[in-house]
Amino acid sequence: MSTVNGVGSGSSAGTVSSSNVGDLTQSQFYQIIVAQLENQDPDNAADTNQMVQSMMSLANYQATQTAGQDTTTMKNYLTATTLVGQDVNITVPATTDAGTQSVTGVVTQAGFGNSGASVTVNGTAYTLDDVTAVNAPSSN
């Protein structure tokens, strides 16, 4: 496992190990680059091409993460829209005690807001995470 420690008086002390390098934020990454530049030996300067490659790798990683989040968001919204007209079970925290409350009904609307994808059942909006089952259509 490789470890990078915070160095210099201007940098914040901290440790980033190879086991949690995926959790490295852009700000932390730039702090490491600045610390490397501030503390490098002028006779043995860091390879600028390697630094640029590292910055590009971080940018690509962040773009991939954002694309993954966008894909999940779209998938959740599409899932909610496919539930319109379906009979579902919803489980939410009960309003009167510490238990849960079950609601069953037909999804009449799908939406998307700050809390993610939602479905409307019996006139009330619920998050997609509250849907616990999709019931088989009744044979009439």
Protein backbone atom coordinates (compact mmCIF):
# COMPACT_ATOMS: atom_id res chain seq x y z
CA MET A 1 0.00 0.00 0.00
CA SER A 2 1.37 3.42 -0.91
CA THR A 3 0.82 6.41 1.33
CA VAL A 4 0.98 10.15 0.73
CA ASN A 5 1.24 12.36 3.81
CA GLY A 6 0.40 16.05 3.95
CA VAL A 7 3.61 18.10 3.92
CA GLY A 8 4.62 21.73 4.30
CA SER A 9 3.24 24.39 6.57
CA GLY A 10 0.57 25.50 4.11
CA SER A 11 -0.96 22.11 3.46
CA SER A 12 -3.43 20.38 5.65
CA ALA A 13 -2.05 17.30 7.31
CA GLY A 14 -3.66 14.08 6.26
CA THR A 15 -2.98 10.72 4.79
CA VAL A 16 -4.28 9.19 1.60
CA SER A 17 -3.55 5.53 1.13
CA SER A 18 -4.00 3.47 -2.00
CA SER A 19 -6.89 1.63 -0.36
CA ASN A 20 -9.03 4.80 -0.21
CA VAL A 21 -7.63 6.80 -3.12
CA GLY A 22 -11.05 6.55 -4.87
CA ASP A 23 -12.43 8.77 -2.09
CA LEU A 24 -9.91 11.51 -2.92
CA THR A 25 -11.68 14.78 -3.69
CA GLN A 26 -10.56 17.20 -6.36
CA SER A 27 -9.51 19.68 -3.67
CA GLN A 28 -7.39 17.06 -1.87
CA PHE A 29 -5.80 16.05 -5.16
CA TYR A 30 -4.86 19.65 -5.94
CA GLN A 31 -3.47 20.07 -2.41
CA ILE A 32 -1.19 17.10 -3.05
CA ILE A 33 -0.05 18.55 -6.40
CA VAL A 34 0.66 21.96 -4.80
CA ALA A 35 2.53 20.30 -1.91
CA GLN A 36 4.63 18.34 -4.41
CA LEU A 37 5.46 21.50 -6.35
CA GLU A 38 6.27 23.49 -3.20
CA ASN A 39 8.53 20.79 -1.79
CA GLN A 40 10.24 19.38 -4.87
CA ASP A 41 13.99 19.36 -5.21
CA PRO A 42 14.94 21.91 -7.91
CA ASP A 43 17.72 19.58 -9.06
CA ASN A 44 15.26 16.70 -9.41
CA ALA A 45 12.00 18.39 -10.47
CA ALA A 46 8.82 16.40 -10.94
CA ASP A 47 7.83 15.38 -14.44
CA THR A 48 5.18 17.90 -15.58
CA ASN A 49 3.83 15.44 -18.15
CA GLN A 50 3.15 12.95 -15.37
CA MET A 51 1.37 15.64 -13.31
CA VAL A 52 -0.80 16.62 -16.29
CA GLN A 53 -1.63 12.92 -16.84
CA SER A 54 -2.61 12.63 -13.17
CA MET A 55 -4.89 15.67 -13.44
CA MET A 56 -6.47 14.28 -16.61
CA SER A 57 -6.99 10.92 -14.90
CA LEU A 58 -8.79 12.65 -12.03
CA ALA A 59 -10.96 14.63 -14.48
CA ASN A 60 -11.84 11.42 -16.36
CA TYR A 61 -12.64 9.64 -13.10
CA GLN A 62 -14.93 12.49 -12.02
CA ALA A 63 -16.65 12.52 -15.42
CA THR A 64 -17.23 8.77 -15.16
CA GLN A 65 -18.68 9.16 -11.66
CA THR A 66 -21.02 11.94 -12.84
CA ALA A 67 -22.11 9.88 -15.86
CA GLY A 68 -22.80 6.92 -13.57
CA GLN A 69 -24.93 9.08 -11.29
CA ASP A 70 -26.79 10.53 -14.27
CA THR A 71 -27.44 7.02 -15.61
CA THR A 72 -28.81 5.90 -12.23
CA THR A 73 -31.03 8.98 -12.05
CA MET A 74 -32.42 8.32 -15.53
CA LYS A 75 -32.92 4.62 -14.79
CA ASN A 76 -34.88 5.47 -11.62
CA TYR A 77 -37.08 7.93 -13.48
CA LEU A 78 -37.76 5.41 -16.26
CA THR A 79 -38.59 2.78 -13.63
CA ALA A 80 -41.06 5.17 -11.99
CA THR A 81 -42.74 5.92 -15.33
CA THR A 82 -43.16 2.21 -16.10
CA LEU A 83 -45.08 1.84 -12.83
CA VAL A 84 -47.86 4.21 -13.95
CA GLY A 85 -51.06 2.16 -14.09
CA GLN A 86 -49.56 -0.64 -11.99
CA ASP A 87 -50.89 -1.80 -8.62
CA VAL A 88 -48.09 -1.43 -6.05
CA ASN A 89 -47.39 -1.83 -2.36
CA ILE A 90 -45.75 1.09 -0.55
CA THR A 91 -44.16 0.88 2.90
CA VAL A 92 -43.40 4.09 4.80
CA PRO A 93 -42.75 5.00 8.45
CA ALA A 94 -46.00 5.22 10.40
CA THR A 95 -47.10 8.67 11.50
CA THR A 96 -48.37 7.60 14.92
CA ASP A 97 -45.74 5.14 16.20
CA ALA A 98 -42.31 3.71 15.43
CA GLY A 99 -43.63 1.04 13.05
CA THR A 100 -44.38 1.16 9.36
CA GLN A 101 -47.50 1.83 7.35
CA SER A 102 -48.43 -0.08 4.19
CA VAL A 103 -50.29 1.51 1.32
CA THR A 104 -51.62 -0.34 -1.72
CA GLY A 105 -52.93 1.31 -4.83
CA VAL A 106 -52.51 2.12 -8.49
CA VAL A 107 -49.70 4.47 -9.51
CA THR A 108 -51.34 7.45 -11.21
CA GLN A 109 -48.28 9.63 -11.79
CA ALA A 110 -44.48 9.50 -11.91
CA GLY A 111 -42.26 12.45 -11.15
CA PHE A 112 -38.76 13.54 -10.39
CA GLY A 113 -37.60 16.08 -7.82
CA ASN A 114 -34.86 16.81 -5.32
CA SER A 115 -35.46 13.52 -3.52
CA GLY A 116 -35.27 11.53 -6.78
CA ALA A 117 -37.92 9.58 -8.65
CA SER A 118 -41.39 9.44 -7.16
CA VAL A 119 -44.72 7.78 -7.78
CA THR A 120 -48.17 8.98 -6.78
CA VAL A 121 -50.53 6.45 -5.20
CA ASN A 122 -53.95 7.40 -3.80
CA GLY A 123 -53.09 11.08 -4.29
CA THR A 124 -49.85 10.96 -2.26
CA ALA A 125 -46.33 11.08 -3.69
CA TYR A 126 -43.85 8.45 -2.48
CA THR A 127 -40.20 7.95 -3.37
CA LEU A 128 -39.33 5.04 -5.60
CA ASP A 129 -37.49 3.49 -2.64
CA ASP A 130 -40.84 3.25 -0.80
CA VAL A 131 -42.23 0.83 -3.43
CA THR A 132 -41.88 -2.66 -1.98
CA ALA A 133 -43.85 -4.69 -4.53
CA VAL A 134 -45.59 -4.54 -7.88
CA ASN A 135 -48.71 -6.67 -7.77
CA ALA A 136 -49.84 -8.93 -10.61
CA PRO A 137 -52.75 -7.51 -12.55
CA SER A 138 -56.10 -8.86 -11.43
CA SER A 139 -57.84 -11.08 -13.95
CA ASN A 140 -61.38 -9.76 -14.41
